[in-house]
């Protein structure tokens, strides 16, 4: 109920550095560029994800992410992301680094 697939054209911006985080994304097909301080620092492809830092740490977006090619992504809003993280925590399958990051911020 909290996620949906999006088809995005090259050049479309997913998230902007400094803006509040409202969703988590998983790349299904295509490529996206990760830009920090106006410099491309990474290119992500199928199976990669982005947007979790702002949601886990409750901080502004740390980078801008732009579609490099026609891209299909799954967008999960904050509420859905929080539910997935909470369920993983209950099952004990949340990676230790995420657990430490989440608890050290509060």
Protein backbone atom coordinates (compact mmCIF):
# COMPACT_ATOMS: atom_id res chain seq x y z
CA UNK A 1 0.00 0.00 0.00
CA UNK A 2 2.95 2.35 0.53
CA UNK A 3 4.94 1.71 -2.62
CA UNK A 4 4.65 1.83 -6.38
CA UNK A 5 6.68 1.38 -9.54
CA UNK A 6 7.66 4.51 -11.47
CA UNK A 7 8.98 4.85 -15.02
CA UNK A 8 11.31 7.81 -15.27
CA UNK A 9 12.89 9.59 -18.24
CA UNK A 10 16.59 10.49 -18.39
CA UNK A 11 17.32 13.72 -16.54
CA UNK A 12 14.43 13.43 -14.11
CA UNK A 13 15.37 14.14 -10.48
CA UNK A 14 14.37 11.62 -7.81
CA UNK A 15 15.76 13.39 -4.75
CA UNK A 16 17.64 16.64 -4.20
CA UNK A 17 20.52 17.17 -1.81
CA UNK A 18 19.41 19.16 1.24
CA UNK A 19 15.69 18.38 0.87
CA UNK A 20 13.73 16.35 3.45
CA UNK A 21 13.59 12.60 2.89
CA UNK A 22 10.17 11.18 2.11
CA UNK A 23 10.87 7.89 0.30
CA UNK A 24 13.25 4.99 -0.34
CA UNK A 25 13.96 3.80 -3.90
CA UNK A 26 15.11 0.54 -5.50
CA UNK A 27 16.35 0.56 -9.09
CA UNK A 28 14.60 -2.10 -11.20
CA UNK A 29 16.05 -1.19 -14.60
CA UNK A 30 18.23 1.61 -15.93
CA UNK A 31 20.87 3.75 -14.27
CA UNK A 32 20.86 6.75 -11.95
CA UNK A 33 23.63 9.19 -11.09
CA UNK A 34 24.33 10.12 -7.47
CA UNK A 35 25.52 13.73 -7.29
CA UNK A 36 27.01 15.32 -4.18
CA UNK A 37 27.94 19.00 -4.23
CA UNK A 38 27.48 19.12 -8.04
CA UNK A 39 29.88 16.19 -8.66
CA UNK A 40 28.83 12.71 -9.81
CA UNK A 41 30.07 10.38 -7.06
CA UNK A 42 28.41 7.14 -8.15
CA UNK A 43 26.22 5.53 -10.79
CA UNK A 44 23.71 2.93 -9.61
CA UNK A 45 21.99 0.22 -11.63
CA UNK A 46 19.47 -2.60 -11.23
CA UNK A 47 19.24 -3.95 -7.69
CA UNK A 48 20.77 -0.81 -6.16
CA UNK A 49 18.89 1.41 -3.74
CA UNK A 50 19.00 4.97 -2.47
CA UNK A 51 17.20 7.28 -0.08
CA UNK A 52 17.68 5.28 3.11
CA UNK A 53 20.13 7.64 4.83
CA UNK A 54 17.64 10.51 5.13
CA UNK A 55 14.97 8.14 6.43
CA UNK A 56 17.13 6.19 8.89
CA UNK A 57 18.99 9.18 10.31
CA UNK A 58 16.14 11.70 9.89
CA UNK A 59 18.45 14.15 8.12
CA UNK A 60 18.13 16.08 4.84
CA UNK A 61 19.05 14.24 1.63
CA UNK A 62 22.82 13.78 1.41
CA UNK A 63 22.90 13.73 -2.41
CA UNK A 64 20.88 14.43 -5.52
CA UNK A 65 19.88 11.41 -7.61
CA UNK A 66 19.01 11.83 -11.30
CA UNK A 67 17.99 9.27 -13.92
CA UNK A 68 20.86 8.72 -16.36
CA UNK A 69 18.85 6.41 -18.65
CA UNK A 70 15.19 5.46 -18.89
CA UNK A 71 14.74 4.00 -15.41
CA UNK A 72 12.15 1.94 -13.58
CA UNK A 73 12.26 2.28 -9.79
CA UNK A 74 10.18 1.09 -6.88
CA UNK A 75 9.35 4.02 -4.58
CA UNK A 76 8.47 3.18 -0.97
CA UNK A 77 7.17 6.09 1.12
CA UNK A 78 8.43 6.84 4.64
CA UNK A 79 5.62 4.99 6.40
CA UNK A 80 6.16 1.86 4.34
CA UNK A 81 9.92 2.07 4.83
CA UNK A 82 9.47 2.40 8.60
CA UNK A 83 7.20 -0.67 8.59
CA UNK A 84 9.77 -2.71 6.65
CA UNK A 85 12.57 -1.67 9.02
CA UNK A 86 10.43 -2.37 12.11
CA UNK A 87 9.50 -5.83 10.79
CA UNK A 88 13.15 -6.63 10.01
CA UNK A 89 14.09 -5.51 13.52
CA UNK A 90 11.42 -7.78 15.06
CA UNK A 91 12.69 -10.74 13.01
CA UNK A 92 16.29 -9.96 13.97
CA UNK A 93 17.29 -9.60 10.33
CA UNK A 94 18.22 -5.92 10.41
CA UNK A 95 21.97 -5.46 9.76
CA UNK A 96 23.91 -4.31 12.83
CA UNK A 97 25.13 -1.12 11.08
CA UNK A 98 21.53 -0.02 10.48
CA UNK A 99 20.53 -0.75 14.06
CA UNK A 100 23.44 1.27 15.43
CA UNK A 101 22.84 4.15 13.00
CA UNK A 102 19.14 4.34 13.85
CA UNK A 103 19.60 4.23 17.62
CA UNK A 104 22.58 6.57 17.76
CA UNK A 105 20.52 9.37 16.25
CA UNK A 106 17.90 9.35 19.01
